[in-house]
């Protein structure tokens, strides 16, 4: 039941799992959905030889670290989409980091490429 070393709240549900679902009807089409997505633009990439790399592969909880092939510092939705599509096409596993406050190894994991 679950992953060893990871805990769930009593009852085995996530904190928000017991809340009633609302707003499950499909959203009506909007003008925003019809607009073209802007080009991704250049994405800052940090590789193992970069002096910033060490700080980016370990978060607040220093029990976990990783050694990805590269770190993409996406700043826009289009850049994120581009990175995710490239990783999927190449068969790479990726994770997303925001503030680095994760207490588990979901972000800083040896399987991340």
Protein backbone atom coordinates (compact mmCIF):
# COMPACT_ATOMS: atom_id res chain seq x y z
CA UNK A 1 0.00 0.00 0.00
CA UNK A 2 1.83 3.07 -1.21
CA UNK A 3 5.50 3.70 -1.62
CA UNK A 4 7.75 2.72 1.31
CA UNK A 5 8.92 5.75 3.25
CA UNK A 6 6.11 7.96 2.05
CA UNK A 7 3.14 8.66 4.23
CA UNK A 8 -0.48 9.49 3.52
CA UNK A 9 -3.00 11.19 5.75
CA UNK A 10 -5.19 8.85 7.86
CA UNK A 11 -7.70 7.06 5.66
CA UNK A 12 -5.28 6.93 2.73
CA UNK A 13 -6.62 10.00 0.97
CA UNK A 14 -4.79 13.09 -0.09
CA UNK A 15 -5.74 16.22 1.81
CA UNK A 16 -8.04 17.47 -0.96
CA UNK A 17 -9.29 14.03 -2.00
CA UNK A 18 -12.41 14.04 0.16
CA UNK A 19 -13.72 17.40 -1.04
CA UNK A 20 -16.83 17.31 -3.23
CA UNK A 21 -16.15 17.96 -6.89
CA UNK A 22 -17.61 21.11 -8.35
CA UNK A 23 -17.52 22.67 -11.77
CA UNK A 24 -17.02 19.44 -13.67
CA UNK A 25 -19.00 20.59 -16.72
CA UNK A 26 -16.86 21.41 -19.75
CA UNK A 27 -15.91 25.05 -20.02
CA UNK A 28 -17.42 26.97 -22.92
CA UNK A 29 -15.09 27.89 -25.76
CA UNK A 30 -13.40 31.24 -25.30
CA UNK A 31 -11.65 33.73 -27.51
CA UNK A 32 -8.42 33.06 -25.59
CA UNK A 33 -8.48 29.41 -26.66
CA UNK A 34 -8.50 30.50 -30.31
CA UNK A 35 -5.44 32.72 -29.99
CA UNK A 36 -2.11 31.43 -31.24
CA UNK A 37 0.44 30.45 -28.61
CA UNK A 38 3.49 32.71 -28.84
CA UNK A 39 6.80 31.24 -29.93
CA UNK A 40 8.83 29.60 -27.19
CA UNK A 41 11.87 31.81 -27.60
CA UNK A 42 15.32 30.88 -26.31
CA UNK A 43 15.37 28.72 -23.18
CA UNK A 44 18.20 29.05 -20.69
CA UNK A 45 19.80 25.63 -20.26
CA UNK A 46 22.20 24.70 -17.46
CA UNK A 47 24.48 21.67 -17.99
CA UNK A 48 26.76 19.87 -15.50
CA UNK A 49 29.76 22.08 -16.37
CA UNK A 50 27.89 25.30 -15.55
CA UNK A 51 28.68 26.95 -12.19
CA UNK A 52 24.90 27.24 -11.47
CA UNK A 53 24.33 23.49 -11.88
CA UNK A 54 25.25 22.42 -8.32
CA UNK A 55 22.74 24.84 -6.78
CA UNK A 56 19.99 23.70 -9.15
CA UNK A 57 20.24 19.93 -8.56
CA UNK A 58 19.61 20.06 -4.83
CA UNK A 59 16.73 21.65 -3.00
CA UNK A 60 16.04 22.69 0.53
CA UNK A 61 16.03 19.08 1.78
CA UNK A 62 19.60 18.08 1.03
CA UNK A 63 18.97 14.34 1.48
CA UNK A 64 17.98 14.29 -2.19
CA UNK A 65 19.99 15.33 -5.19
CA UNK A 66 20.00 14.40 -8.84
CA UNK A 67 22.29 14.58 -11.84
CA UNK A 68 20.14 15.46 -14.85
CA UNK A 69 21.69 15.86 -18.29
CA UNK A 70 20.51 19.45 -18.28
CA UNK A 71 18.23 21.88 -16.49
CA UNK A 72 15.90 24.04 -18.55
CA UNK A 73 14.95 27.36 -16.97
CA UNK A 74 11.64 27.96 -18.73
CA UNK A 75 9.97 31.33 -18.20
CA UNK A 76 6.86 31.10 -20.38
CA UNK A 77 4.10 28.60 -21.06
CA UNK A 78 5.40 28.14 -24.60
CA UNK A 79 8.88 27.34 -23.28
CA UNK A 80 7.48 24.79 -20.83
CA UNK A 81 5.49 23.18 -23.65
CA UNK A 82 8.61 23.03 -25.82
CA UNK A 83 10.70 21.40 -23.07
CA UNK A 84 7.99 18.85 -22.21
CA UNK A 85 7.48 17.92 -25.87
CA UNK A 86 11.24 17.52 -26.44
CA UNK A 87 11.59 15.33 -23.34
CA UNK A 88 8.65 13.17 -24.38
CA UNK A 89 9.96 12.76 -27.91
CA UNK A 90 13.39 11.76 -26.57
CA UNK A 91 11.90 9.36 -24.00
CA UNK A 92 13.38 11.33 -21.10
CA UNK A 93 11.90 11.53 -17.61
CA UNK A 94 11.51 15.05 -16.33
CA UNK A 95 10.34 16.78 -13.19
CA UNK A 96 9.28 20.30 -12.45
CA UNK A 97 10.81 22.35 -9.68
CA UNK A 98 9.38 25.53 -8.31
CA UNK A 99 10.81 26.58 -4.95
CA UNK A 100 12.75 23.42 -4.07
CA UNK A 101 10.93 22.87 -0.77
CA UNK A 102 9.95 19.25 -1.43
CA UNK A 103 10.73 16.93 1.49
CA UNK A 104 10.76 13.80 -0.67
CA UNK A 105 12.73 12.82 -3.77
CA UNK A 106 9.97 13.54 -6.28
CA UNK A 107 11.99 16.35 -7.89
CA UNK A 108 15.59 15.47 -7.05
CA UNK A 109 15.54 11.84 -8.12
CA UNK A 110 18.32 9.79 -9.76
CA UNK A 111 15.93 8.68 -12.54
CA UNK A 112 15.39 12.25 -13.75
CA UNK A 113 17.21 13.01 -16.99
